[in-house]
Amino acid sequence: MLSFSGSLKVYLATEPCDMRKSFNGLSAVVAQKLGADPVSGAAFLFTNKKKTLIKILYWDGSGLWVMAKRLEKGTFSWPKHTGGKTRIRLEPTALAMLTDGIQLRDGHKLPWYEKP
């Protein structure tokens, strides 16, 4: 489980992203599509079209982190892109829930998720 401070700003990109992108590519998406500064200290979440992979871009004050999680079964609970908002603000606890397989809408674990 990931753990971030309660004051961390977390932004979720609503549009799927090319998961081949890394530091520079994700930074460009943050700046151009999300209209934010990638070195602001916020965490930015991205997913692929299938919602089986997420990447997090995070600036810790001295450098950028790129973290990834790939699901072997099931999909992440991800908001649908409606064409309006390109990003959604999440609480750090919602980020932890998302990465732990808990549906953000209903607050219960997804049926495929079993923690070892």
PDB file of N, CA and C in Angstrom:
ATOM      1  N   MET A   1       0.834  -1.183   0.000  1.00  0.00           N
ATOM      2  CA  MET A   1       0.000   0.000   0.000  1.00  0.00           C
ATOM      3  C   MET A   1       0.874   1.240   0.000  1.00  0.00           C
ATOM      4  N   LEU A   2       0.513   2.206  -0.823  1.00  0.00           N
ATOM      5  CA  LEU A   2       1.200   3.490  -0.841  1.00  0.00           C
ATOM      6  C   LEU A   2       0.667   4.368   0.270  1.00  0.00           C
ATOM      7  N   SER A   3       1.523   5.210   0.793  1.00  0.00           N
ATOM      8  CA  SER A   3       1.086   6.120   1.840  1.00  0.00           C
ATOM      9  C   SER A   3       1.675   7.500   1.572  1.00  0.00           C
ATOM     10  N   PHE A   4       0.817   8.487   1.448  1.00  0.00           N
ATOM     11  CA  PHE A   4       1.236   9.858   1.240  1.00  0.00           C
ATOM     12  C   PHE A   4       0.641  10.715   2.343  1.00  0.00           C
ATOM     13  N   SER A   5       1.210  11.906   2.532  1.00  0.00           N
ATOM     14  CA  SER A   5       0.693  12.798   3.573  1.00  0.00           C
ATOM     15  C   SER A   5      -0.693  13.308   3.189  1.00  0.00           C
ATOM     16  N   GLY A   6      -1.450  13.718   4.187  1.00  0.00           N
ATOM     17  CA  GLY A   6      -2.804  14.200   3.963  1.00  0.00           C
ATOM     18  C   GLY A   6      -2.865  15.511   3.210  1.00  0.00           C
ATOM     19  N   SER A   7      -1.744  16.227   3.126  1.00  0.00           N
ATOM     20  CA  SER A   7      -1.735  17.511   2.423  1.00  0.00           C
ATOM     21  C   SER A   7      -1.345  17.380   0.950  1.00  0.00           C
ATOM     22  N   LEU A   8      -1.037  16.157   0.511  1.00  0.00           N
ATOM     23  CA  LEU A   8      -0.633  15.942  -0.876  1.00  0.00           C
ATOM     24  C   LEU A   8      -1.794  16.218  -1.822  1.00  0.00           C
ATOM     25  N   LYS A   9      -1.524  16.965  -2.888  1.00  0.00           N
ATOM     26  CA  LYS A   9      -2.523  17.164  -3.935  1.00  0.00           C
ATOM     27  C   LYS A   9      -2.377  16.020  -4.931  1.00  0.00           C
ATOM     28  N   VAL A  10      -3.498  15.398  -5.254  1.00  0.00           N
ATOM     29  CA  VAL A  10      -3.514  14.262  -6.170  1.00  0.00           C
ATOM     30  C   VAL A  10      -4.475  14.584  -7.304  1.00  0.00           C
ATOM     31  N   TYR A  11      -3.986  14.467  -8.544  1.00  0.00           N
ATOM     32  CA  TYR A  11      -4.819  14.723  -9.714  1.00  0.00           C
ATOM     33  C   TYR A  11      -4.843  13.481 -10.588  1.00  0.00           C
ATOM     34  N   LEU A  12      -6.022  13.104 -11.013  1.00  0.00           N
ATOM     35  CA  LEU A  12      -6.241  11.937 -11.850  1.00  0.00           C
ATOM     36  C   LEU A  12      -6.576  12.420 -13.253  1.00  0.00           C
ATOM     37  N   ALA A  13      -5.822  11.958 -14.242  1.00  0.00           N
ATOM     38  CA  ALA A  13      -6.105  12.296 -15.644  1.00  0.00           C
ATOM     39  C   ALA A  13      -7.272  11.438 -16.117  1.00  0.00           C
ATOM     40  N   THR A  14      -8.327  12.073 -16.600  1.00  0.00           N
ATOM     41  CA  THR A  14      -9.521  11.319 -16.984  1.00  0.00           C
ATOM     42  C   THR A  14      -9.367  10.612 -18.328  1.00  0.00           C
ATOM     43  N   GLU A  15      -8.499  11.121 -19.204  1.00  0.00           N
ATOM     44  CA  GLU A  15      -8.284  10.487 -20.503  1.00  0.00           C
ATOM     45  C   GLU A  15      -7.204   9.421 -20.389  1.00  0.00           C
ATOM     46  N   PRO A  16      -7.355   8.291 -21.083  1.00  0.00           N
ATOM     47  CA  PRO A  16      -6.288   7.285 -21.085  1.00  0.00           C
ATOM     48  C   PRO A  16      -5.011   7.875 -21.678  1.00  0.00           C
ATOM     49  N   CYS A  17      -3.892   7.316 -21.264  1.00  0.00           N
ATOM     50  CA  CYS A  17      -2.582   7.817 -21.681  1.00  0.00           C
ATOM     51  C   CYS A  17      -1.765   6.678 -22.292  1.00  0.00           C
ATOM     52  N   ASP A  18      -0.849   7.025 -23.159  1.00  0.00           N
ATOM     53  CA  ASP A  18       0.089   6.059 -23.717  1.00  0.00           C
ATOM     54  C   ASP A  18       1.053   5.647 -22.599  1.00  0.00           C
ATOM     55  N   MET A  19       0.982   4.419 -22.164  1.00  0.00           N
ATOM     56  CA  MET A  19       1.771   3.968 -21.024  1.00  0.00           C
ATOM     57  C   MET A  19       3.237   3.723 -21.355  1.00  0.00           C
ATOM     58  N   ARG A  20       3.637   3.966 -22.595  1.00  0.00           N
ATOM     59  CA  ARG A  20       5.061   3.908 -22.933  1.00  0.00           C
ATOM     60  C   ARG A  20       5.776   5.165 -22.458  1.00  0.00           C
ATOM     61  N   LYS A  21       5.007   6.194 -22.099  1.00  0.00           N
ATOM     62  CA  LYS A  21       5.588   7.450 -21.634  1.00  0.00           C
ATOM     63  C   LYS A  21       6.220   7.261 -20.260  1.00  0.00           C
ATOM     64  N   SER A  22       7.284   8.026 -20.038  1.00  0.00           N
ATOM     65  CA  SER A  22       7.950   7.994 -18.740  1.00  0.00           C
ATOM     66  C   SER A  22       8.091   9.427 -18.232  1.00  0.00           C
ATOM     67  N   PHE A  23       9.210   9.791 -17.666  1.00  0.00           N
ATOM     68  CA  PHE A  23       9.396  11.092 -17.029  1.00  0.00           C
ATOM     69  C   PHE A  23       9.036  12.265 -17.938  1.00  0.00           C
ATOM     70  N   ASN A  24       9.707  12.380 -19.077  1.00  0.00           N
ATOM     71  CA  ASN A  24       9.495  13.522 -19.963  1.00  0.00           C
ATOM     72  C   ASN A  24       8.122  13.502 -20.612  1.00  0.00           C
ATOM     73  N   GLY A  25       7.689  12.341 -21.071  1.00  0.00           N
ATOM     74  CA  GLY A  25       6.389  12.236 -21.732  1.00  0.00           C
ATOM     75  C   GLY A  25       5.231  12.537 -20.797  1.00  0.00           C
ATOM     76  N   LEU A  26       5.277  12.001 -19.582  1.00  0.00           N
ATOM     77  CA  LEU A  26       4.211  12.261 -18.616  1.00  0.00           C
ATOM     78  C   LEU A  26       4.247  13.713 -18.143  1.00  0.00           C
ATOM     79  N   SER A  27       5.450  14.279 -17.995  1.00  0.00           N
ATOM     80  CA  SER A  27       5.564  15.702 -17.641  1.00  0.00           C
ATOM     81  C   SER A  27       4.929  16.580 -18.703  1.00  0.00           C
ATOM     82  N   ALA A  28       5.119  16.228 -19.959  1.00  0.00           N
ATOM     83  CA  ALA A  28       4.512  16.989 -21.059  1.00  0.00           C
ATOM     84  C   ALA A  28       2.991  16.880 -21.020  1.00  0.00           C
ATOM     85  N   VAL A  29       2.457  15.702 -20.712  1.00  0.00           N
ATOM     86  CA  VAL A  29       1.006  15.529 -20.601  1.00  0.00           C
ATOM     87  C   VAL A  29       0.461  16.396 -19.465  1.00  0.00           C
ATOM     88  N   VAL A  30       1.156  16.410 -18.340  1.00  0.00           N
ATOM     89  CA  VAL A  30       0.728  17.228 -17.200  1.00  0.00           C
ATOM     90  C   VAL A  30       0.681  18.700 -17.600  1.00  0.00           C
ATOM     91  N   ALA A  31       1.724  19.176 -18.256  1.00  0.00           N
ATOM     92  CA  ALA A  31       1.793  20.587 -18.624  1.00  0.00           C
ATOM     93  C   ALA A  31       0.805  20.951 -19.725  1.00  0.00           C
ATOM     94  N   GLN A  32       0.734  20.143 -20.769  1.00  0.00           N
ATOM     95  CA  GLN A  32      -0.057  20.505 -21.948  1.00  0.00           C
ATOM     96  C   GLN A  32      -1.532  20.143 -21.829  1.00  0.00           C
ATOM     97  N   LYS A  33      -1.842  18.936 -21.379  1.00  0.00           N
ATOM     98  CA  LYS A  33      -3.243  18.492 -21.355  1.00  0.00           C
ATOM     99  C   LYS A  33      -3.939  18.790 -20.030  1.00  0.00           C
ATOM    100  N   LEU A  34      -3.189  18.688 -18.915  1.00  0.00           N
ATOM    101  CA  LEU A  34      -3.818  18.906 -17.618  1.00  0.00           C
ATOM    102  C   LEU A  34      -3.667  20.343 -17.148  1.00  0.00           C
ATOM    103  N   GLY A  35      -2.796  21.114 -17.792  1.00  0.00           N
ATOM    104  CA  GLY A  35      -2.609  22.509 -17.436  1.00  0.00           C
ATOM    105  C   GLY A  35      -2.022  22.710 -16.053  1.00  0.00           C
ATOM    106  N   ALA A  36      -1.105  21.842 -15.661  1.00  0.00           N
ATOM    107  CA  ALA A  36      -0.501  21.923 -14.328  1.00  0.00           C
ATOM    108  C   ALA A  36       1.018  21.861 -14.446  1.00  0.00           C
ATOM    109  N   ASP A  37       1.686  22.161 -13.362  1.00  0.00           N
ATOM    110  CA  ASP A  37       3.145  22.126 -13.308  1.00  0.00           C
ATOM    111  C   ASP A  37       3.584  20.777 -12.750  1.00  0.00           C
ATOM    112  N   PRO A  38       4.327  19.976 -13.521  1.00  0.00           N
ATOM    113  CA  PRO A  38       4.713  18.647 -13.051  1.00  0.00           C
ATOM    114  C   PRO A  38       5.638  18.662 -11.828  1.00  0.00           C
ATOM    115  N   VAL A  39       6.292  19.791 -11.546  1.00  0.00           N
ATOM    116  CA  VAL A  39       7.182  19.870 -10.385  1.00  0.00           C
ATOM    117  C   VAL A  39       6.552  20.706  -9.267  1.00  0.00           C
ATOM    118  N   SER A  40       5.243  20.681  -9.193  1.00  0.00           N
ATOM    119  CA  SER A  40       4.511  21.442  -8.171  1.00  0.00           C
ATOM    120  C   SER A  40       4.437  20.707  -6.838  1.00  0.00           C
ATOM    121  N   GLY A  41       4.803  19.436  -6.817  1.00  0.00           N
ATOM    122  CA  GLY A  41       4.700  18.646  -5.601  1.00  0.00           C
ATOM    123  C   GLY A  41       3.436  17.809  -5.539  1.00  0.00           C
ATOM    124  N   ALA A  42       2.623  17.875  -6.578  1.00  0.00           N
ATOM    125  CA  ALA A  42       1.402  17.072  -6.647  1.00  0.00           C
ATOM    126  C   ALA A  42       1.714  15.724  -7.291  1.00  0.00           C
ATOM    127  N   ALA A  43       0.840  14.756  -7.062  1.00  0.00           N
ATOM    128  CA  ALA A  43       0.937  13.451  -7.710  1.00  0.00           C
ATOM    129  C   ALA A  43      -0.087  13.417  -8.838  1.00  0.00           C
ATOM    130  N   PHE A  44       0.327  12.954 -10.005  1.00  0.00           N
ATOM    131  CA  PHE A  44      -0.537  12.887 -11.183  1.00  0.00           C
ATOM    132  C   PHE A  44      -0.700  11.431 -11.584  1.00  0.00           C
ATOM    133  N   LEU A  45      -1.949  10.975 -11.700  1.00  0.00           N
ATOM    134  CA  LEU A  45      -2.256   9.584 -12.023  1.00  0.00           C
ATOM    135  C   LEU A  45      -2.721   9.448 -13.459  1.00  0.00           C
ATOM    136  N   PHE A  46      -2.246   8.390 -14.106  1.00  0.00           N
ATOM    137  CA  PHE A  46      -2.604   8.091 -15.495  1.00  0.00           C
ATOM    138  C   PHE A  46      -2.959   6.622 -15.602  1.00  0.00           C
ATOM    139  N   THR A  47      -3.810   6.288 -16.575  1.00  0.00           N
ATOM    140  CA  THR A  47      -4.130   4.891 -16.846  1.00  0.00           C
ATOM    141  C   THR A  47      -4.142   4.646 -18.348  1.00  0.00           C
ATOM    142  N   ASN A  48      -4.134   3.374 -18.725  1.00  0.00           N
ATOM    143  CA  ASN A  48      -4.250   2.996 -20.125  1.00  0.00           C
ATOM    144  C   ASN A  48      -5.726   2.808 -20.486  1.00  0.00           C
ATOM    145  N   LYS A  49      -5.996   2.517 -21.755  1.00  0.00           N
ATOM    146  CA  LYS A  49      -7.394   2.363 -22.203  1.00  0.00           C
ATOM    147  C   LYS A  49      -8.098   1.208 -21.503  1.00  0.00           C
ATOM    148  N   LYS A  50      -7.386   0.126 -21.236  1.00  0.00           N
ATOM    149  CA  LYS A  50      -7.993  -1.045 -20.603  1.00  0.00           C
ATOM    150  C   LYS A  50      -8.156  -0.886 -19.091  1.00  0.00           C
ATOM    151  N   LYS A  51      -7.529   0.144 -18.517  1.00  0.00           N
ATOM    152  CA  LYS A  51      -7.558   0.409 -17.068  1.00  0.00           C
ATOM    153  C   LYS A  51      -6.940  -0.729 -16.259  1.00  0.00           C
ATOM    154  N   THR A  52      -5.907  -1.343 -16.833  1.00  0.00           N
ATOM    155  CA  THR A  52      -5.195  -2.411 -16.144  1.00  0.00           C
ATOM    156  C   THR A  52      -3.831  -1.949 -15.633  1.00  0.00           C
ATOM    157  N   LEU A  53      -3.454  -0.730 -15.963  1.00  0.00           N
ATOM    158  CA  LEU A  53      -2.153  -0.198 -15.588  1.00  0.00           C
ATOM    159  C   LEU A  53      -2.323   1.253 -15.160  1.00  0.00           C
ATOM    160  N   ILE A  54      -1.675   1.629 -14.069  1.00  0.00           N
ATOM    161  CA  ILE A  54      -1.638   3.045 -13.690  1.00  0.00           C
ATOM    162  C   ILE A  54      -0.192   3.463 -13.508  1.00  0.00           C
ATOM    163  N   LYS A  55       0.062   4.726 -13.793  1.00  0.00           N
ATOM    164  CA  LYS A  55       1.353   5.340 -13.521  1.00  0.00           C
ATOM    165  C   LYS A  55       1.095   6.600 -12.721  1.00  0.00           C
ATOM    166  N   ILE A  56       2.015   6.870 -11.795  1.00  0.00           N
ATOM    167  CA  ILE A  56       1.945   8.064 -10.975  1.00  0.00           C
ATOM    168  C   ILE A  56       3.225   8.851 -11.198  1.00  0.00           C
ATOM    169  N   LEU A  57       3.074  10.122 -11.534  1.00  0.00           N
ATOM    170  CA  LEU A  57       4.201  11.040 -11.663  1.00  0.00           C
ATOM    171  C   LEU A  57       4.185  11.931 -10.436  1.00  0.00           C
ATOM    172  N   TYR A  58       5.306  11.983  -9.706  1.00  0.00           N
ATOM    173  CA  TYR A  58       5.339  12.710  -8.442  1.00  0.00           C
ATOM    174  C   TYR A  58       6.690  13.394  -8.261  1.00  0.00           C
ATOM    175  N   TRP A  59       6.662  14.669  -7.908  1.00  0.00           N
ATOM    176  CA  TRP A  59       7.863  15.450  -7.620  1.00  0.00           C
ATOM    177  C   TRP A  59       8.029  15.525  -6.108  1.00  0.00           C
ATOM    178  N   ASP A  60       9.163  15.036  -5.587  1.00  0.00           N
ATOM    179  CA  ASP A  60       9.367  15.028  -4.134  1.00  0.00           C
ATOM    180  C   ASP A  60      10.224  16.183  -3.631  1.00  0.00           C
ATOM    181  N   GLY A  61      10.566  17.115  -4.494  1.00  0.00           N
ATOM    182  CA  GLY A  61      11.384  18.257  -4.098  1.00  0.00           C
ATOM    183  C   GLY A  61      12.802  18.166  -4.628  1.00  0.00           C
ATOM    184  N   SER A  62      13.257  16.956  -4.909  1.00  0.00           N
ATOM    185  CA  SER A  62      14.612  16.800  -5.444  1.00  0.00           C
ATOM    186  C   SER A  62      14.629  16.085  -6.791  1.00  0.00           C
ATOM    187  N   GLY A  63      13.517  15.489  -7.168  1.00  0.00           N
ATOM    188  CA  GLY A  63      13.448  14.779  -8.438  1.00  0.00           C
ATOM    189  C   GLY A  63      12.074  14.187  -8.675  1.00  0.00           C
ATOM    190  N   LEU A  64      11.880  13.720  -9.882  1.00  0.00           N
ATOM    191  CA  LEU A  64      10.603  13.115 -10.269  1.00  0.00           C
ATOM    192  C   LEU A  64      10.624  11.615 -10.004  1.00  0.00           C
ATOM    193  N   TRP A  65       9.506  11.109  -9.554  1.00  0.00           N
ATOM    194  CA  TRP A  65       9.260   9.682  -9.406  1.00  0.00           C
ATOM    195  C   TRP A  65       8.244   9.266 -10.467  1.00  0.00           C
ATOM    196  N   VAL A  66       8.427   8.095 -11.040  1.00  0.00           N
ATOM    197  CA  VAL A  66       7.400   7.459 -11.859  1.00  0.00           C
ATOM    198  C   VAL A  66       7.153   6.092 -11.238  1.00  0.00           C
ATOM    199  N   MET A  67       5.923   5.898 -10.764  1.00  0.00           N
ATOM    200  CA  MET A  67       5.543   4.626 -10.150  1.00  0.00           C
ATOM    201  C   MET A  67       4.485   3.983 -11.034  1.00  0.00           C
ATOM    202  N   ALA A  68       4.519   2.681 -11.126  1.00  0.00           N
ATOM    203  CA  ALA A  68       3.556   1.970 -11.968  1.00  0.00           C
ATOM    204  C   ALA A  68       3.013   0.757 -11.225  1.00  0.00           C
ATOM    205  N   LYS A  69       1.761   0.431 -11.530  1.00  0.00           N
ATOM    206  CA  LYS A  69       1.156  -0.797 -11.020  1.00  0.00           C
ATOM    207  C   LYS A  69       0.335  -1.413 -12.142  1.00  0.00           C
ATOM    208  N   ARG A  70       0.598  -2.687 -12.418  1.00  0.00           N
ATOM    209  CA  ARG A  70      -0.137  -3.435 -13.432  1.00  0.00           C
ATOM    210  C   ARG A  70      -0.951  -4.509 -12.746  1.00  0.00           C
ATOM    211  N   LEU A  71      -2.217  -4.582 -13.084  1.00  0.00           N
ATOM    212  CA  LEU A  71      -3.083  -5.614 -12.527  1.00  0.00           C
ATOM    213  C   LEU A  71      -2.985  -6.880 -13.366  1.00  0.00           C
ATOM    214  N   GLU A  72      -2.928  -8.001 -12.705  1.00  0.00           N
ATOM    215  CA  GLU A  72      -2.909  -9.282 -13.399  1.00  0.00           C
ATOM    216  C   GLU A  72      -4.323  -9.750 -13.705  1.00  0.00           C
ATOM    217  N   LYS A  73      -5.287  -9.214 -12.964  1.00  0.00           N
ATOM    218  CA  LYS A  73      -6.685  -9.602 -13.136  1.00  0.00           C
ATOM    219  C   LYS A  73      -7.539  -8.388 -12.789  1.00  0.00           C
ATOM    220  N   GLY A  74      -8.603  -8.147 -13.558  1.00  0.00           N
ATOM    221  CA  GLY A  74      -9.519  -7.048 -13.265  1.00  0.00           C
ATOM    222  C   GLY A  74      -9.026  -5.705 -13.790  1.00  0.00           C
ATOM    223  N   THR A  75      -9.729  -4.650 -13.409  1.00  0.00           N
ATOM    224  CA  THR A  75      -9.406  -3.297 -13.838  1.00  0.00           C
ATOM    225  C   THR A  75      -9.496  -2.344 -12.654  1.00  0.00           C
ATOM    226  N   PHE A  76      -8.842  -1.193 -12.806  1.00  0.00           N
ATOM    227  CA  PHE A  76      -8.928  -0.153 -11.792  1.00  0.00           C
ATOM    228  C   PHE A  76     -10.265   0.564 -11.898  1.00  0.00           C
ATOM    229  N   SER A  77     -10.782   1.015 -10.774  1.00  0.00           N
ATOM    230  CA  SER A  77     -11.994   1.828 -10.730  1.00  0.00           C
ATOM    231  C   SER A  77     -11.599   3.232 -11.155  1.00  0.00           C
ATOM    232  N   TRP A  78     -11.947   3.623 -12.379  1.00  0.00           N
ATOM    233  CA  TRP A  78     -11.494   4.895 -12.951  1.00  0.00           C
ATOM    234  C   TRP A  78     -12.685   5.686 -13.459  1.00  0.00           C
ATOM    235  N   PRO A  79     -12.756   6.963 -13.169  1.00  0.00           N
ATOM    236  CA  PRO A  79     -13.872   7.774 -13.681  1.00  0.00           C
ATOM    237  C   PRO A  79     -13.862   7.834 -15.201  1.00  0.00           C
ATOM    238  N   LYS A  80     -15.024   7.916 -15.788  1.00  0.00           N
ATOM    239  CA  LYS A  80     -15.130   8.002 -17.244  1.00  0.00           C
ATOM    240  C   LYS A  80     -14.826   9.416 -17.710  1.00  0.00           C
ATOM    241  N   HIS A  81     -14.129   9.491 -18.853  1.00  0.00           N
ATOM    242  CA  HIS A  81     -13.844  10.788 -19.458  1.00  0.00           C
ATOM    243  C   HIS A  81     -15.085  11.244 -20.206  1.00  0.00           C
ATOM    244  N   THR A  82     -15.604  12.399 -19.840  1.00  0.00           N
ATOM    245  CA  THR A  82     -16.828  12.895 -20.467  1.00  0.00           C
ATOM    246  C   THR A  82     -16.559  13.976 -21.498  1.00  0.00           C
ATOM    247  N   GLY A  83     -15.307  14.301 -21.730  1.00  0.00           N
ATOM    248  CA  GLY A  83     -14.985  15.323 -22.703  1.00  0.00           C
ATOM    249  C   GLY A  83     -14.809  16.697 -22.083  1.00  0.00           C
ATOM    250  N   GLY A  84     -15.280  16.893 -20.872  1.00  0.00           N
ATOM    251  CA  GLY A  84     -15.174  18.192 -20.219  1.00  0.00           C
ATOM    252  C   GLY A  84     -13.911  18.320 -19.392  1.00  0.00           C
ATOM    253  N   LYS A  85     -13.889  17.647 -18.268  1.00  0.00           N
ATOM    254  CA  LYS A  85     -12.742  17.745 -17.359  1.00  0.00           C
ATOM    255  C   LYS A  85     -11.619  16.822 -17.807  1.00  0.00           C
ATOM    256  N   THR A  86     -10.390  17.362 -17.813  1.00  0.00           N
ATOM    257  CA  THR A  86      -9.234  16.538 -18.149  1.00  0.00           C
ATOM    258  C   THR A  86      -8.580  15.973 -16.910  1.00  0.00           C
ATOM    259  N   ARG A  87      -8.905  16.544 -15.739  1.00  0.00           N
ATOM    260  CA  ARG A  87      -8.350  16.036 -14.487  1.00  0.00           C
ATOM    261  C   ARG A  87      -9.369  16.160 -13.365  1.00  0.00           C
ATOM    262  N   ILE A  88      -9.217  15.296 -12.376  1.00  0.00           N
ATOM    263  CA  ILE A  88     -10.078  15.290 -11.202  1.00  0.00           C
ATOM    264  C   ILE A  88      -9.164  15.301  -9.980  1.00  0.00           C
ATOM    265  N   ARG A  89      -9.513  16.080  -8.991  1.00  0.00           N
ATOM    266  CA  ARG A  89      -8.728  16.127  -7.753  1.00  0.00           C
ATOM    267  C   ARG A  89      -9.200  15.014  -6.828  1.00  0.00           C
ATOM    268  N   LEU A  90      -8.243  14.269  -6.281  1.00  0.00           N
ATOM    269  CA  LEU A  90      -8.529  13.193  -5.335  1.00  0.00           C
ATOM    270  C   LEU A  90      -7.875  13.499  -3.993  1.00  0.00           C
ATOM    271  N   GLU A  91      -8.435  12.948  -2.950  1.00  0.00           N
ATOM    272  CA  GLU A  91      -7.794  12.976  -1.639  1.00  0.00           C
ATOM    273  C   GLU A  91      -6.727  11.881  -1.614  1.00  0.00           C
ATOM    274  N   PRO A  92      -5.661  12.058  -0.832  1.00  0.00           N
ATOM    275  CA  PRO A  92      -4.647  10.994  -0.743  1.00  0.00           C
ATOM    276  C   PRO A  92      -5.227   9.650  -0.301  1.00  0.00           C
ATOM    277  N   THR A  93      -6.260   9.668   0.530  1.00  0.00           N
ATOM    278  CA  THR A  93      -6.885   8.404   0.943  1.00  0.00           C
ATOM    279  C   THR A  93      -7.571   7.719  -0.242  1.00  0.00           C
ATOM    280  N   ALA A  94      -8.132   8.510  -1.167  1.00  0.00           N
ATOM    281  CA  ALA A  94      -8.757   7.934  -2.361  1.00  0.00           C
ATOM    282  C   ALA A  94      -7.707   7.298  -3.258  1.00  0.00           C
ATOM    283  N   LEU A  95      -6.513   7.896  -3.310  1.00  0.00           N
ATOM    284  CA  LEU A  95      -5.416   7.288  -4.068  1.00  0.00           C
ATOM    285  C   LEU A  95      -5.053   5.933  -3.472  1.00  0.00           C
ATOM    286  N   ALA A  96      -4.937   5.864  -2.157  1.00  0.00           N
ATOM    287  CA  ALA A  96      -4.621   4.595  -1.504  1.00  0.00           C
ATOM    288  C   ALA A  96      -5.715   3.568  -1.768  1.00  0.00           C
ATOM    289  N   MET A  97      -6.962   3.990  -1.721  1.00  0.00           N
ATOM    290  CA  MET A  97      -8.072   3.073  -1.984  1.00  0.00           C
ATOM    291  C   MET A  97      -8.031   2.568  -3.424  1.00  0.00           C
ATOM    292  N   LEU A  98      -7.765   3.463  -4.351  1.00  0.00           N
ATOM    293  CA  LEU A  98      -7.696   3.104  -5.766  1.00  0.00           C
ATOM    294  C   LEU A  98      -6.619   2.050  -5.999  1.00  0.00           C
ATOM    295  N   THR A  99      -5.437   2.251  -5.436  1.00  0.00           N
ATOM    296  CA  THR A  99      -4.346   1.294  -5.642  1.00  0.00           C
ATOM    297  C   THR A  99      -4.543   0.002  -4.867  1.00  0.00           C
ATOM    298  N   ASP A 100      -5.413   0.022  -3.851  1.00  0.00           N
ATOM    299  CA  ASP A 100      -5.696  -1.192  -3.069  1.00  0.00           C
ATOM    300  C   ASP A 100      -6.892  -1.979  -3.590  1.00  0.00           C
ATOM    301  N   GLY A 101      -7.477  -1.558  -4.710  1.00  0.00           N
ATOM    302  CA  GLY A 101      -8.568  -2.313  -5.308  1.00  0.00           C
ATOM    303  C   GLY A 101      -9.935  -2.028  -4.726  1.00  0.00           C
ATOM    304  N   ILE A 102     -10.109  -0.858  -4.145  1.00  0.00           N
ATOM    305  CA  ILE A 102     -11.401  -0.486  -3.575  1.00  0.00           C
ATOM    306  C   ILE A 102     -12.100   0.464  -4.541  1.00  0.00           C
ATOM    307  N   GLN A 103     -13.356   0.157  -4.853  1.00  0.00           N
ATOM    308  CA  GLN A 103     -14.114   1.014  -5.761  1.00  0.00           C
ATOM    309  C   GLN A 103     -14.382   2.348  -5.100  1.00  0.00           C
ATOM    310  N   LEU A 104     -14.012   3.423  -5.769  1.00  0.00           N
ATOM    311  CA  LEU A 104     -14.180   4.751  -5.194  1.00  0.00           C
ATOM    312  C   LEU A 104     -15.644   5.139  -5.079  1.00  0.00           C
ATOM    313  N   ARG A 105     -16.462   4.679  -5.989  1.00  0.00           N
ATOM    314  CA  ARG A 105     -17.877   5.037  -5.978  1.00  0.00           C
ATOM    315  C   ARG A 105     -18.639   4.371  -4.839  1.00  0.00           C
ATOM    316  N   ASP A 106     -18.434   3.069  -4.645  1.00  0.00           N
ATOM    317  CA  ASP A 106     -19.215   2.313  -3.668  1.00  0.00           C
ATOM    318  C   ASP A 106     -18.464   2.026  -2.370  1.00  0.00           C
ATOM    319  N   GLY A 107     -17.142   2.167  -2.379  1.00  0.00           N
ATOM    320  CA  GLY A 107     -16.364   1.936  -1.176  1.00  0.00           C
ATOM    321  C   GLY A 107     -16.179   0.477  -0.799  1.00  0.00           C
ATOM    322  N   HIS A 108     -16.304  -0.433  -1.765  1.00  0.00           N
ATOM    323  CA  HIS A 108     -16.064  -1.845  -1.451  1.00  0.00           C
ATOM    324  C   HIS A 108     -15.013  -2.408  -2.393  1.00  0.00           C
ATOM    325  N   LYS A 109     -14.375  -3.488  -1.940  1.00  0.00           N
ATOM    326  CA  LYS A 109     -13.330  -4.103  -2.756  1.00  0.00           C
ATOM    327  C   LYS A 109     -13.947  -4.728  -3.993  1.00  0.00           C
ATOM    328  N   LEU A 110     -13.218  -4.622  -5.072  1.00  0.00           N
ATOM    329  CA  LEU A 110     -13.675  -5.234  -6.315  1.00  0.00           C
ATOM    330  C   LEU A 110     -13.649  -6.753  -6.162  1.00  0.00           C
ATOM    331  N   PRO A 111     -14.565  -7.464  -6.796  1.00  0.00           N
ATOM    332  CA  PRO A 111     -14.679  -8.916  -6.582  1.00  0.00           C
ATOM    333  C   PRO A 111     -13.423  -9.710  -6.957  1.00  0.00           C
ATOM    334  N   TRP A 112     -12.642  -9.228  -7.892  1.00  0.00           N
ATOM    335  CA  TRP A 112     -11.457  -9.959  -8.316  1.00  0.00           C
ATOM    336  C   TRP A 112     -10.277  -9.756  -7.386  1.00  0.00           C
ATOM    337  N   TYR A 113     -10.355  -8.755  -6.503  1.00  0.00           N
ATOM    338  CA  TYR A 113      -9.202  -8.375  -5.690  1.00  0.00           C
ATOM    339  C   TYR A 113      -9.083  -9.244  -4.451  1.00  0.00           C
ATOM    340  N   GLU A 114      -7.962  -9.896  -4.298  1.00  0.00           N
ATOM    341  CA  GLU A 114      -7.665 -10.668  -3.101  1.00  0.00           C
ATOM    342  C   GLU A 114      -6.254 -10.312  -2.661  1.00  0.00           C
ATOM    343  N   LYS A 115      -6.133  -9.767  -1.492  1.00  0.00           N
ATOM    344  CA  LYS A 115      -4.837  -9.399  -0.966  1.00  0.00           C
ATOM    345  C   LYS A 115      -4.158 -10.642  -0.412  1.00  0.00           C
ATOM    346  N   PRO A 116      -2.882 -10.881  -0.767  1.00  0.00           N
ATOM    347  CA  PRO A 116      -2.187 -12.091  -0.281  1.00  0.00           C
ATOM    348  C   PRO A 116      -1.956 -12.054   1.219  1.00  0.00           C
TER     349      PRO A 116
END
